[in-house]
Amino acid sequence: MSIKITARSTDKPHEIAVDLLVVGVWAPSSPAKKSAKGALATLDAAMGGALSKVLEREEFAGKAEQQVAVHTAGRIAASKIVVLGLGSKDASDAAHLRTFAARAGRAANAERATSAVIVLPEGFESKLRPLAEGVELGAYRFTRHFTGDRKPKAELAEVVFASEHKFAADAKKQIEQGQGVGRGVNMARDLSNEPPNVIFPKSIADLATHEGKKHGFKVTVFDDKEIEKRGMLLLHAVGRGSSHGPRLVHMSYVPSGKAKKRLVFVGKGITFDSGGLSIKPAQGMGEMKHDMSGAANMVGLMVAVAAVKPDVEVHAIMACAENMPDGNAYRPGDIWGSLDGKTVEIINTDAEGRLVLADALTYAAGLEPDLLVDNATLTGACVVALGMTWSAFYVTNEDTRAKFASALKESGEQMWHMPLVDEYKDQLKSDCADLKHTGERWGGSITAGLFLREFIGKTKNWVHCDIAGPSAADRPSGWNVKGATGHGVLTFLSLIERSAK
């Protein structure tokens, strides 16, 4: 169900008939004081002082993550009030606004609300895009496989942003763009959350084609025969062990006017990773449906790009395969060629992601991008280094690092700059081929990045993102919900929009 979001200027939000009214409060806050002003004081007066009494009892002070729910008992038009702490007023960037609105969306789900008013603190009324993004992201639930009593009893269908101040003239456009971006991230989440019997190379390619027709971007798909014919032998090798053949998907958006830059993004699309002949332990293997999160991000990114329509040429490429261990599967000790021409000795078939990316990066480099970015759930070593909530990024030069860091600051996503240590490159020397595709255990995320760098050709500006940790979450946090997160899409979109300026 789509959410209808509107903006309304009013100093009486409590008179709007909805299931839930959400109000954000800065810290420090003492709602029991008679001198209190603003929306909270207005609500408390309408509630006959009952709201401040509950907040005082709960020791509510407006701290970030504080949340108090209060039944209205018919005193106002809304059935329930949720008060959210916003933390320090100094923190009011796009990420902060997005998180506030996402918490409101999650609260609506928890209260089984179909309609909600979100009362905006002063200054928020001119920043509706991240708020609309947040509502979409926070209200997201992956429920399509539930039946009977497991189906949600209610879904959020209508949201009103309310403020006593005047909204910006472009409020409607901001909301539409914000919802489009949020739906793009949610598309990436949907794809990653789907089980591997639903999402496999052909089905994700078909879905990308469908989204391209719906949103107006071009989609080209190479099947396994075309992949082999073109010399993408590493991608072909990884997909050999599955009855679902590999696919390479190329999505492209070209603005109506002259494009200011050409940006190319690449995503790893291992729709299920058994480890191949180097099979994984059974424990946790079910989570390997998320090993295509990088590719899922590419579809989500293109949906978001279609919503904001930047003056930048954008290409998104997915290298999709299922890594399975049948009699035709590639083996440790094999040597395979690549689209780049380099030969690669296979050491471990469970290090398949860098192989499919290698051919995809070579293909992408042929587009002569101003900036090339790849993202992949690539290494456990990255999770060991940075944990489950931060990803790593590697770059070819300082200027690219600075631009990517600026995009990160704007998006609010958590990524840490890691070094490409050239002395580790010797670990990739093979005795019988140009390269072997894995190095030693220590610094495994770095050597994976060094391997990928071998396949970017003459590309000067390259970013590699290892998103293995935060691609899925085990609990809600910020604007993320439990399950697939779409981590990376917002940063990539920020890069694109900044390139258009």
Protein backbone atom coordinates (compact mmCIF):
# COMPACT_ATOMS: atom_id res chain seq x y z
CA MET A 1 0.00 0.00 0.00
CA SER A 2 1.34 3.45 -0.90
CA ILE A 3 1.39 6.20 1.73
CA LYS A 4 -0.29 9.51 0.93
CA ILE A 5 1.83 12.30 2.46
CA THR A 6 0.67 15.92 2.59
CA ALA A 7 1.71 19.09 4.42
CA ARG A 8 -0.68 21.33 6.37
CA SER A 9 -0.05 24.63 8.11
CA THR A 10 -2.02 24.69 11.37
CA ASP A 11 -1.58 25.67 15.00
CA LYS A 12 -4.19 23.09 16.03
CA PRO A 13 -2.83 19.69 14.90
CA HIS A 14 -4.82 18.04 17.69
CA GLU A 15 -8.01 18.80 15.78
CA ILE A 16 -7.03 16.58 12.83
CA ALA A 17 -8.84 13.24 13.08
CA VAL A 18 -6.18 10.50 12.81
CA ASP A 19 -5.18 7.33 14.62
CA LEU A 20 -1.87 8.72 15.82
CA LEU A 21 -0.31 12.11 16.50
CA VAL A 22 3.50 12.24 16.70
CA VAL A 23 5.41 15.20 18.08
CA GLY A 24 9.18 15.64 18.25
CA VAL A 25 10.76 17.45 21.20
CA TRP A 26 14.30 18.80 21.51
CA ALA A 27 16.47 18.21 24.55
CA PRO A 28 16.61 19.48 27.18
CA SER A 29 12.88 19.51 27.70
CA SER A 30 10.79 19.93 30.86
CA PRO A 31 7.21 19.47 29.66
CA ALA A 32 5.75 19.84 33.16
CA LYS A 33 6.80 23.50 33.41
CA LYS A 34 3.97 25.95 32.96
CA SER A 35 6.29 28.13 30.87
CA ALA A 36 6.58 25.46 28.19
CA LYS A 37 5.80 26.67 24.68
CA GLY A 38 5.24 25.23 21.23
CA ALA A 39 3.39 22.18 19.97
CA LEU A 40 3.91 20.15 23.14
CA ALA A 41 2.38 22.90 25.30
CA THR A 42 -0.56 23.19 22.90
CA LEU A 43 -1.16 19.45 23.08
CA ASP A 44 -0.84 19.41 26.84
CA ALA A 45 -3.43 22.18 27.14
CA ALA A 46 -5.79 20.27 24.85
CA MET A 47 -5.24 17.20 27.02
CA GLY A 48 -6.04 19.12 30.20
CA GLY A 49 -2.49 18.74 31.52
CA ALA A 50 -2.57 14.93 31.30
CA LEU A 51 0.25 14.77 28.75
CA SER A 52 2.79 16.63 30.87
CA LYS A 53 1.96 14.46 33.88
CA VAL A 54 2.74 11.28 31.93
CA LEU A 55 5.95 12.74 30.51
CA GLU A 56 7.06 13.85 33.96
CA ARG A 57 6.40 10.39 35.39
CA GLU A 58 8.38 8.81 32.54
CA GLU A 59 11.24 11.30 33.12
CA PHE A 60 11.02 12.40 29.51
CA ALA A 61 13.67 15.02 28.70
CA GLY A 62 13.76 15.03 24.91
CA LYS A 63 16.85 12.81 24.71
CA ALA A 64 17.47 11.00 21.45
CA GLU A 65 15.71 7.63 21.34
CA GLN A 66 13.32 8.53 24.20
CA GLN A 67 9.74 7.68 23.28
CA VAL A 68 6.51 7.92 25.24
CA ALA A 69 3.03 6.86 24.08
CA VAL A 70 -0.09 8.36 25.65
CA HIS A 71 -3.75 7.43 25.14
CA THR A 72 -5.86 10.53 24.55
CA ALA A 73 -9.13 9.14 25.98
CA GLY A 74 -11.04 11.23 23.43
CA ARG A 75 -9.66 14.58 24.62
CA ILE A 76 -8.30 15.34 21.13
CA ALA A 77 -9.15 14.08 17.64
CA ALA A 78 -6.21 11.62 17.52
CA SER A 79 -6.60 8.32 19.35
CA LYS A 80 -3.04 8.30 20.67
CA ILE A 81 -0.03 10.60 21.03
CA VAL A 82 3.59 9.50 20.68
CA VAL A 83 6.26 11.94 21.87
CA LEU A 84 9.74 11.39 20.41
CA GLY A 85 12.95 12.81 21.85
CA LEU A 86 15.07 14.53 19.21
CA GLY A 87 18.23 15.04 21.22
CA SER A 88 20.37 18.13 20.77
CA LYS A 89 18.94 20.91 18.61
CA ASP A 90 22.36 21.28 16.98
CA ALA A 91 21.80 17.95 15.22
CA SER A 92 19.25 18.82 12.55
CA ASP A 93 20.84 17.63 9.32
CA ALA A 94 19.07 15.47 6.72
CA ALA A 95 20.02 12.25 8.50
CA HIS A 96 18.52 13.53 11.76
CA LEU A 97 15.27 14.52 10.07
CA ARG A 98 15.10 11.21 8.23
CA THR A 99 15.58 9.32 11.50
CA PHE A 100 12.84 11.32 13.25
CA ALA A 101 10.33 10.59 10.50
CA ALA A 102 11.38 6.93 10.37
CA ARG A 103 10.78 6.57 14.09
CA ALA A 104 7.35 8.10 13.55
CA GLY A 105 6.67 5.55 10.81
CA ARG A 106 7.76 2.67 13.05
CA ALA A 107 5.58 4.03 15.87
CA ALA A 108 2.59 4.08 13.51
CA ASN A 109 3.18 0.42 12.69
CA ALA A 110 3.52 -0.47 16.37
CA GLU A 111 0.25 1.31 17.17
CA ARG A 112 -1.53 -0.24 14.16
CA ALA A 113 -2.28 3.23 12.85
CA THR A 114 -3.54 3.76 9.31
CA SER A 115 -3.30 7.56 9.59
CA ALA A 116 -0.94 9.88 11.41
CA VAL A 117 -0.09 13.53 11.95
CA ILE A 118 3.59 14.31 12.43
CA VAL A 119 4.00 17.68 14.15
CA LEU A 120 7.23 19.25 12.91
CA PRO A 121 9.59 21.27 15.10
CA GLU A 122 10.31 24.79 13.85
CA GLY A 123 12.63 24.76 10.84
CA PHE A 124 11.64 21.29 9.66
CA GLU A 125 8.86 22.66 7.44
CA SER A 126 11.44 23.66 4.78
CA LYS A 127 13.12 20.22 4.76
CA LEU A 128 10.36 17.86 3.70
CA ARG A 129 12.32 15.59 1.38
CA PRO A 130 14.32 13.75 4.09
CA LEU A 131 11.17 13.63 6.23
CA ALA A 132 9.23 11.95 3.42
CA GLU A 133 12.15 9.57 2.89
CA GLY A 134 12.06 8.73 6.59
CA VAL A 135 8.34 7.96 6.66
CA GLU A 136 8.72 5.51 3.77
CA LEU A 137 11.79 3.89 5.30
CA GLY A 138 10.45 3.65 8.85
CA ALA A 139 7.03 2.32 7.87
CA TYR A 140 8.59 -0.40 5.68
CA ARG A 141 7.77 -4.01 6.49
CA PHE A 142 8.48 -7.13 4.45
CA THR A 143 5.21 -9.03 4.83
CA ARG A 144 4.34 -10.37 1.38
CA HIS A 145 4.80 -14.01 2.39
CA PHE A 146 2.59 -13.80 5.50
CA THR A 147 -0.88 -15.34 5.36
CA GLY A 148 -3.86 -15.55 7.69
CA ASP A 149 -3.25 -14.15 11.15
CA ARG A 150 0.35 -13.27 10.29
CA LYS A 151 -0.77 -10.57 7.86
CA PRO A 152 -0.54 -7.05 9.34
CA LYS A 153 -3.90 -5.91 10.71
CA ALA A 154 -3.27 -2.33 9.58
CA GLU A 155 -0.94 -0.42 7.26
CA LEU A 156 -0.01 3.24 7.35
CA ALA A 157 -1.86 4.86 4.44
CA GLU A 158 -1.96 8.59 5.21
CA VAL A 159 0.49 11.01 6.86
CA VAL A 160 0.12 14.76 7.42
CA PHE A 161 3.16 16.89 8.18
CA ALA A 162 1.80 19.65 10.41
CA SER A 163 3.43 22.94 11.37
CA GLU A 164 2.22 26.29 12.65
CA HIS A 165 4.69 27.85 10.21
CA LYS A 166 4.34 28.21 6.45
CA PHE A 167 5.71 25.42 4.29
CA ALA A 168 8.12 26.00 1.41
CA ALA A 169 6.62 26.69 -2.02
CA ASP A 170 8.08 23.43 -3.34
CA ALA A 171 6.68 21.33 -0.47
CA LYS A 172 4.75 18.99 -2.78
CA LYS A 173 7.80 18.41 -4.99
CA GLN A 174 9.99 17.73 -1.96
CA ILE A 175 7.53 15.17 -0.65
CA GLU A 176 7.20 13.46 -4.03
CA GLN A 177 10.98 13.23 -4.43
CA GLY A 178 11.43 12.04 -0.85
CA GLN A 179 8.87 9.31 -1.29
CA GLY A 180 10.47 8.29 -4.59
CA VAL A 181 13.88 7.99 -2.91
CA GLY A 182 12.40 6.09 0.03
CA ARG A 183 10.65 3.69 -2.33
CA GLY A 184 13.94 3.14 -4.15
CA VAL A 185 15.67 2.11 -0.91
CA ASN A 186 12.68 -0.06 -0.04
CA MET A 187 12.92 -1.71 -3.45
CA ALA A 188 16.51 -2.68 -2.62
CA ARG A 189 15.29 -4.01 0.74
CA ASP A 190 12.52 -6.04 -0.91
CA LEU A 191 14.91 -7.71 -3.34
CA SER A 192 17.40 -8.61 -0.63
CA ASN A 193 14.71 -9.88 1.74
CA GLU A 194 13.13 -12.15 -0.87
CA PRO A 195 14.03 -15.85 -0.55
CA PRO A 196 16.43 -17.37 -3.10
CA ASN A 197 13.70 -19.46 -4.70
CA VAL A 198 12.05 -16.15 -5.69
CA ILE A 199 15.11 -14.05 -6.52
CA PHE A 200 17.68 -15.73 -8.79
CA PRO A 201 19.65 -14.27 -11.72
CA LYS A 202 16.87 -14.36 -14.30
CA SER A 203 14.13 -13.15 -11.94
CA ILE A 204 16.12 -10.16 -10.70
CA ALA A 205 16.95 -9.30 -14.32
CA ASP A 206 13.26 -9.53 -15.21
CA LEU A 207 12.33 -7.32 -12.27
CA ALA A 208 14.94 -4.72 -13.28
CA THR A 209 13.45 -4.72 -16.79
CA HIS A 210 9.98 -4.20 -15.34
CA GLU A 211 11.16 -1.29 -13.16
CA GLY A 212 12.94 0.26 -16.13
CA LYS A 213 9.72 0.31 -18.15
CA LYS A 214 7.81 1.68 -15.16
CA HIS A 215 10.25 4.46 -14.29
CA GLY A 216 11.76 5.29 -17.68
CA PHE A 217 15.32 3.97 -17.59
CA LYS A 218 16.85 1.61 -20.15
CA VAL A 219 17.69 -2.00 -19.26
CA THR A 220 19.91 -4.42 -21.19
CA VAL A 221 20.33 -8.04 -20.07
CA PHE A 222 23.04 -10.53 -21.09
CA ASP A 223 22.14 -14.19 -20.51
CA ASP A 224 24.67 -16.96 -19.82
CA LYS A 225 25.37 -17.56 -23.53
CA GLU A 226 26.00 -13.87 -24.18
CA ILE A 227 28.16 -13.63 -21.05
CA GLU A 228 30.35 -16.49 -22.28
CA LYS A 229 30.43 -15.14 -25.85
CA ARG A 230 31.62 -11.74 -24.64
CA GLY A 231 34.44 -13.28 -22.62
CA MET A 232 33.07 -12.67 -19.11
CA LEU A 233 34.49 -16.02 -18.10
CA LEU A 234 34.81 -15.31 -14.37
CA LEU A 235 31.11 -14.46 -14.10
CA HIS A 236 30.31 -17.49 -16.23
CA ALA A 237 32.49 -19.76 -14.04
CA VAL A 238 30.76 -18.75 -10.80
CA GLY A 239 27.34 -19.45 -12.30
CA ARG A 240 28.24 -22.87 -13.75
CA GLY A 241 27.13 -24.87 -10.70
CA SER A 242 23.52 -23.67 -10.71
CA SER A 243 20.50 -24.54 -12.82
CA HIS A 244 19.84 -20.79 -12.82
CA GLY A 245 22.30 -19.33 -15.32
CA PRO A 246 24.10 -16.03 -14.64
CA ARG A 247 22.98 -12.64 -15.90
CA LEU A 248 24.66 -9.29 -16.42
CA VAL A 249 22.18 -6.41 -16.20
CA HIS A 250 22.97 -2.90 -17.43
CA MET A 251 20.54 -0.14 -16.42
CA SER A 252 21.02 3.41 -17.69
CA TYR A 253 19.50 6.84 -17.15
CA VAL A 254 20.30 9.71 -19.51
CA PRO A 255 18.93 13.21 -18.71
CA SER A 256 16.94 15.14 -21.28
CA GLY A 257 19.60 17.86 -21.46
CA LYS A 258 23.37 17.59 -21.70
CA ALA A 259 24.74 15.36 -18.95
CA LYS A 260 27.27 17.07 -16.67
CA LYS A 261 28.99 13.81 -15.69
CA ARG A 262 28.80 10.07 -16.28
CA LEU A 263 28.70 7.95 -13.13
CA VAL A 264 28.74 4.16 -13.23
CA PHE A 265 27.78 1.89 -10.32
CA VAL A 266 28.31 -1.85 -10.05
CA GLY A 267 26.68 -4.32 -7.65
CA LYS A 268 27.49 -7.89 -6.67
CA GLY A 269 24.46 -10.08 -7.28
CA ILE A 270 25.09 -13.51 -5.78
CA THR A 271 21.44 -14.42 -5.34
CA PHE A 272 22.39 -17.31 -3.08
CA ASP A 273 25.84 -18.26 -1.87
CA SER A 274 26.29 -21.85 -0.75
CA GLY A 275 30.05 -21.37 -1.00
CA GLY A 276 30.16 -23.64 -4.04
CA LEU A 277 32.47 -26.64 -3.68
CA SER A 278 34.14 -24.80 -0.79
CA ILE A 279 30.77 -25.11 0.89
CA LYS A 280 29.78 -22.97 3.83
CA PRO A 281 28.75 -24.34 7.24
CA ALA A 282 24.99 -24.86 7.55
CA GLN A 283 24.74 -22.34 10.40
CA GLY A 284 23.89 -18.94 8.96
CA MET A 285 23.73 -20.15 5.34
CA GLY A 286 20.13 -18.96 5.11
CA GLU A 287 21.36 -15.38 5.46
CA MET A 288 23.22 -15.80 2.18
CA LYS A 289 20.06 -14.68 0.38
CA HIS A 290 21.40 -11.19 1.25
CA ASP A 291 24.59 -11.78 -0.76
CA MET A 292 22.96 -9.96 -3.66
CA SER A 293 22.43 -6.76 -1.64
CA GLY A 294 24.91 -4.86 -3.84
CA ALA A 295 22.87 -5.71 -6.94
CA ALA A 296 19.60 -4.96 -5.13
CA ASN A 297 21.03 -1.52 -4.38
CA MET A 298 21.50 -0.95 -8.10
CA VAL A 299 17.80 -1.42 -8.86
CA GLY A 300 16.86 0.72 -5.85
CA LEU A 301 19.31 3.42 -6.92
CA MET A 302 17.84 3.63 -10.41
CA VAL A 303 14.31 3.93 -9.01
CA ALA A 304 15.55 6.79 -6.81
CA VAL A 305 17.39 8.42 -9.73
CA ALA A 306 14.18 8.32 -11.76
CA ALA A 307 12.45 10.19 -8.92
CA VAL A 308 14.96 13.07 -8.67
CA LYS A 309 15.93 13.27 -12.39
CA PRO A 310 19.48 14.66 -12.01
CA ASP A 311 21.41 16.25 -14.89
CA VAL A 312 23.89 13.36 -14.73
CA GLU A 313 24.21 10.22 -16.82
CA VAL A 314 23.87 7.22 -14.50
CA HIS A 315 24.61 3.58 -15.26
CA ALA A 316 24.01 0.73 -12.82
CA ILE A 317 25.34 -2.75 -13.54
CA MET A 318 24.48 -6.00 -11.77
CA ALA A 319 26.64 -9.12 -12.02
CA CYS A 320 24.23 -11.89 -11.00
CA ALA A 321 24.92 -15.58 -10.36
CA GLU A 322 23.98 -18.33 -7.96
CA ASN A 323 26.98 -20.03 -6.35
CA MET A 324 26.09 -23.72 -6.15
CA PRO A 325 28.09 -26.99 -5.98
CA ASP A 326 26.89 -29.34 -8.72
CA GLY A 327 29.03 -31.47 -11.03
CA ASN A 328 29.63 -28.59 -13.43
CA ALA A 329 30.70 -26.14 -10.72
CA TYR A 330 34.02 -24.34 -10.90
CA ARG A 331 36.71 -25.76 -8.62
CA PRO A 332 39.63 -24.70 -6.46
CA GLY A 333 42.67 -25.00 -8.72
CA ASP A 334 40.80 -23.96 -11.89
CA ILE A 335 42.24 -21.19 -14.05
CA TRP A 336 39.79 -18.95 -15.85
CA GLY A 337 40.18 -16.04 -18.20
CA SER A 338 38.37 -12.73 -17.79
CA LEU A 339 36.85 -9.95 -19.86
CA ASP A 340 39.97 -7.91 -19.04
CA GLY A 341 42.17 -10.68 -20.48
CA LYS A 342 43.93 -11.58 -17.22
CA THR A 343 43.88 -15.20 -16.09
CA VAL A 344 42.85 -16.04 -12.54
CA GLU A 345 43.66 -19.08 -10.42
CA ILE A 346 40.75 -20.11 -8.21
CA ILE A 347 41.76 -20.68 -4.59
CA ASN A 348 38.41 -20.81 -2.78
CA THR A 349 35.03 -20.97 -4.50
CA ASP A 350 33.49 -19.15 -1.53
CA ALA A 351 35.34 -16.01 -2.62
CA GLU A 352 33.13 -15.73 -5.68
CA GLY A 353 31.97 -12.14 -5.31
CA ARG A 354 35.21 -10.58 -6.46
CA LEU A 355 35.16 -12.81 -9.55
CA VAL A 356 31.76 -11.66 -10.80
CA LEU A 357 32.67 -8.07 -9.95
CA ALA A 358 35.93 -8.31 -11.88
CA ASP A 359 34.15 -8.88 -15.19
CA ALA A 360 31.45 -6.33 -14.34
CA LEU A 361 34.08 -3.69 -13.48
CA THR A 362 35.89 -4.27 -16.77
CA TYR A 363 32.59 -3.86 -18.61
CA ALA A 364 31.82 -0.72 -16.58
CA ALA A 365 35.26 0.78 -17.22
CA GLY A 366 34.52 0.51 -20.94
CA LEU A 367 31.82 3.14 -20.46
CA GLU A 368 34.60 5.63 -19.59
CA PRO A 369 32.98 6.95 -16.41
CA ASP A 370 33.96 10.11 -14.59
CA LEU A 371 33.45 8.06 -11.43
CA LEU A 372 33.14 4.29 -10.99
CA VAL A 373 31.68 2.86 -7.77
CA ASP A 374 31.11 -0.76 -6.83
CA ASN A 375 29.36 -2.18 -3.78
CA ALA A 376 29.30 -5.72 -2.50
CA THR A 377 28.75 -7.91 0.54
CA LEU A 378 32.29 -9.01 -0.13
CA THR A 379 34.29 -10.12 2.92
CA GLY A 380 33.86 -11.39 6.45
CA ALA A 381 37.15 -9.64 7.13
CA CYS A 382 35.38 -6.30 6.79
CA VAL A 383 32.84 -7.33 9.42
CA VAL A 384 35.66 -8.37 11.74
CA ALA A 385 37.31 -4.98 11.24
CA LEU A 386 34.27 -2.68 11.46
CA GLY A 387 31.38 -4.68 12.92
CA MET A 388 27.83 -4.97 11.68
CA THR A 389 26.86 -1.29 11.39
CA TRP A 390 29.78 0.19 9.44
CA SER A 391 30.99 -0.63 5.95
CA ALA A 392 34.38 0.07 4.38
CA PHE A 393 35.26 2.09 1.33
CA TYR A 394 38.47 2.15 -0.70
CA VAL A 395 39.48 4.77 -3.28
CA THR A 396 42.13 5.39 -5.91
CA ASN A 397 42.96 8.99 -4.97
CA GLU A 398 42.42 11.71 -2.38
CA ASP A 399 40.07 13.81 -4.49
CA THR A 400 37.73 10.85 -4.90
CA ARG A 401 37.95 10.13 -1.17
CA ALA A 402 36.97 13.71 -0.33
CA LYS A 403 33.99 13.65 -2.71
CA PHE A 404 32.78 10.32 -1.37
CA ALA A 405 33.23 11.49 2.23
CA SER A 406 31.10 14.57 1.48
CA ALA A 407 28.36 12.36 0.07
CA LEU A 408 28.54 10.20 3.19
CA LYS A 409 28.18 13.22 5.44
CA GLU A 410 25.10 14.28 3.51
CA SER A 411 23.50 10.82 3.50
CA GLY A 412 24.32 9.96 7.11
CA GLU A 413 25.27 6.38 6.22
CA GLN A 414 28.19 4.86 8.09
CA MET A 415 31.27 3.96 6.03
CA TRP A 416 34.94 4.09 7.03
CA HIS A 417 37.82 4.87 4.68
CA MET A 418 40.27 1.94 4.44
CA PRO A 419 43.67 1.83 2.71
CA LEU A 420 44.66 -0.04 -0.43
CA VAL A 421 48.00 -1.29 0.90
CA ASP A 422 50.13 -1.95 -2.18
CA GLU A 423 52.63 -4.17 -0.35
CA TYR A 424 49.82 -6.71 0.12
CA LYS A 425 49.51 -7.06 -3.66
CA ASP A 426 52.19 -9.77 -3.66
CA GLN A 427 49.67 -12.03 -1.92
CA LEU A 428 47.74 -12.20 -5.19
CA LYS A 429 50.64 -13.58 -7.23
CA SER A 430 49.95 -17.01 -8.67
CA ASP A 431 52.50 -19.63 -9.72
CA CYS A 432 50.39 -20.67 -12.70
CA ALA A 433 48.20 -17.69 -13.72
CA ASP A 434 48.33 -13.91 -13.84
CA LEU A 435 46.57 -13.67 -10.47
CA LYS A 436 45.08 -15.75 -7.72
CA HIS A 437 41.89 -14.30 -6.34
CA THR A 438 42.50 -14.48 -2.59
CA GLY A 439 45.38 -13.59 -0.31
CA GLU A 440 46.18 -14.35 3.29
CA ARG A 441 43.58 -14.32 6.05
CA TRP A 442 44.74 -11.07 7.59
CA GLY A 443 43.72 -7.89 5.79
CA GLY A 444 41.28 -9.88 3.66
CA SER A 445 39.08 -6.91 2.83
CA ILE A 446 42.13 -5.00 1.59
CA THR A 447 43.42 -7.77 -0.67
CA ALA A 448 39.91 -8.19 -2.09
CA GLY A 449 39.97 -4.50 -2.99
CA LEU A 450 43.42 -4.85 -4.53
CA PHE A 451 42.16 -7.74 -6.65
CA LEU A 452 39.23 -5.67 -7.92
CA ARG A 453 41.53 -2.76 -8.74
CA GLU A 454 43.22 -5.01 -11.32
CA PHE A 455 40.04 -4.85 -13.41
CA ILE A 456 39.17 -1.13 -13.55
CA GLY A 457 41.34 -0.50 -16.61
CA LYS A 458 42.24 3.17 -17.12
CA THR A 459 39.56 4.43 -14.73
CA LYS A 460 41.08 7.13 -12.54
CA ASN A 461 38.32 7.68 -10.00
CA TRP A 462 37.11 4.45 -8.39
CA VAL A 463 35.40 3.64 -5.09
CA HIS A 464 34.98 0.12 -3.75
CA CYS A 465 32.42 -0.34 -0.93
CA ASP A 466 32.48 -3.52 1.16
CA ILE A 467 29.00 -3.50 2.72
CA ALA A 468 29.06 -6.98 4.27
CA GLY A 469 28.08 -5.82 7.78
CA PRO A 470 25.27 -3.25 7.47
CA SER A 471 23.54 -4.71 4.40
CA ALA A 472 21.13 -6.38 6.86
CA ALA A 473 20.26 -5.57 10.46
CA ASP A 474 19.06 -7.72 13.35
CA ARG A 475 17.19 -4.84 15.01
CA PRO A 476 15.72 -1.43 14.04
CA SER A 477 18.05 1.55 14.30
CA GLY A 478 17.88 5.05 12.85
CA TRP A 479 15.89 4.76 9.62
CA ASN A 480 16.73 1.08 9.23
CA VAL A 481 14.35 -1.71 10.09
CA LYS A 482 15.13 -5.34 10.89
CA GLY A 483 16.27 -7.25 7.80
CA ALA A 484 17.72 -5.82 4.60
CA THR A 485 18.62 -2.13 4.87
CA GLY A 486 19.45 -0.83 1.39
CA HIS A 487 22.67 0.52 2.91
CA GLY A 488 24.57 2.52 0.29
CA VAL A 489 21.72 3.76 -1.90
CA LEU A 490 21.42 7.14 -0.15
CA THR A 491 25.16 7.79 -0.41
CA PHE A 492 25.30 6.84 -4.08
CA LEU A 493 22.33 9.11 -4.79
CA SER A 494 24.07 11.94 -2.92
CA LEU A 495 27.15 11.42 -5.11
CA ILE A 496 24.98 11.67 -8.21
CA GLU A 497 23.14 14.79 -7.12
CA ARG A 498 26.34 16.51 -5.99
CA SER A 499 27.86 15.75 -9.41
CA ALA A 500 24.95 17.57 -11.04
CA LYS A 501 25.72 20.85 -9.25
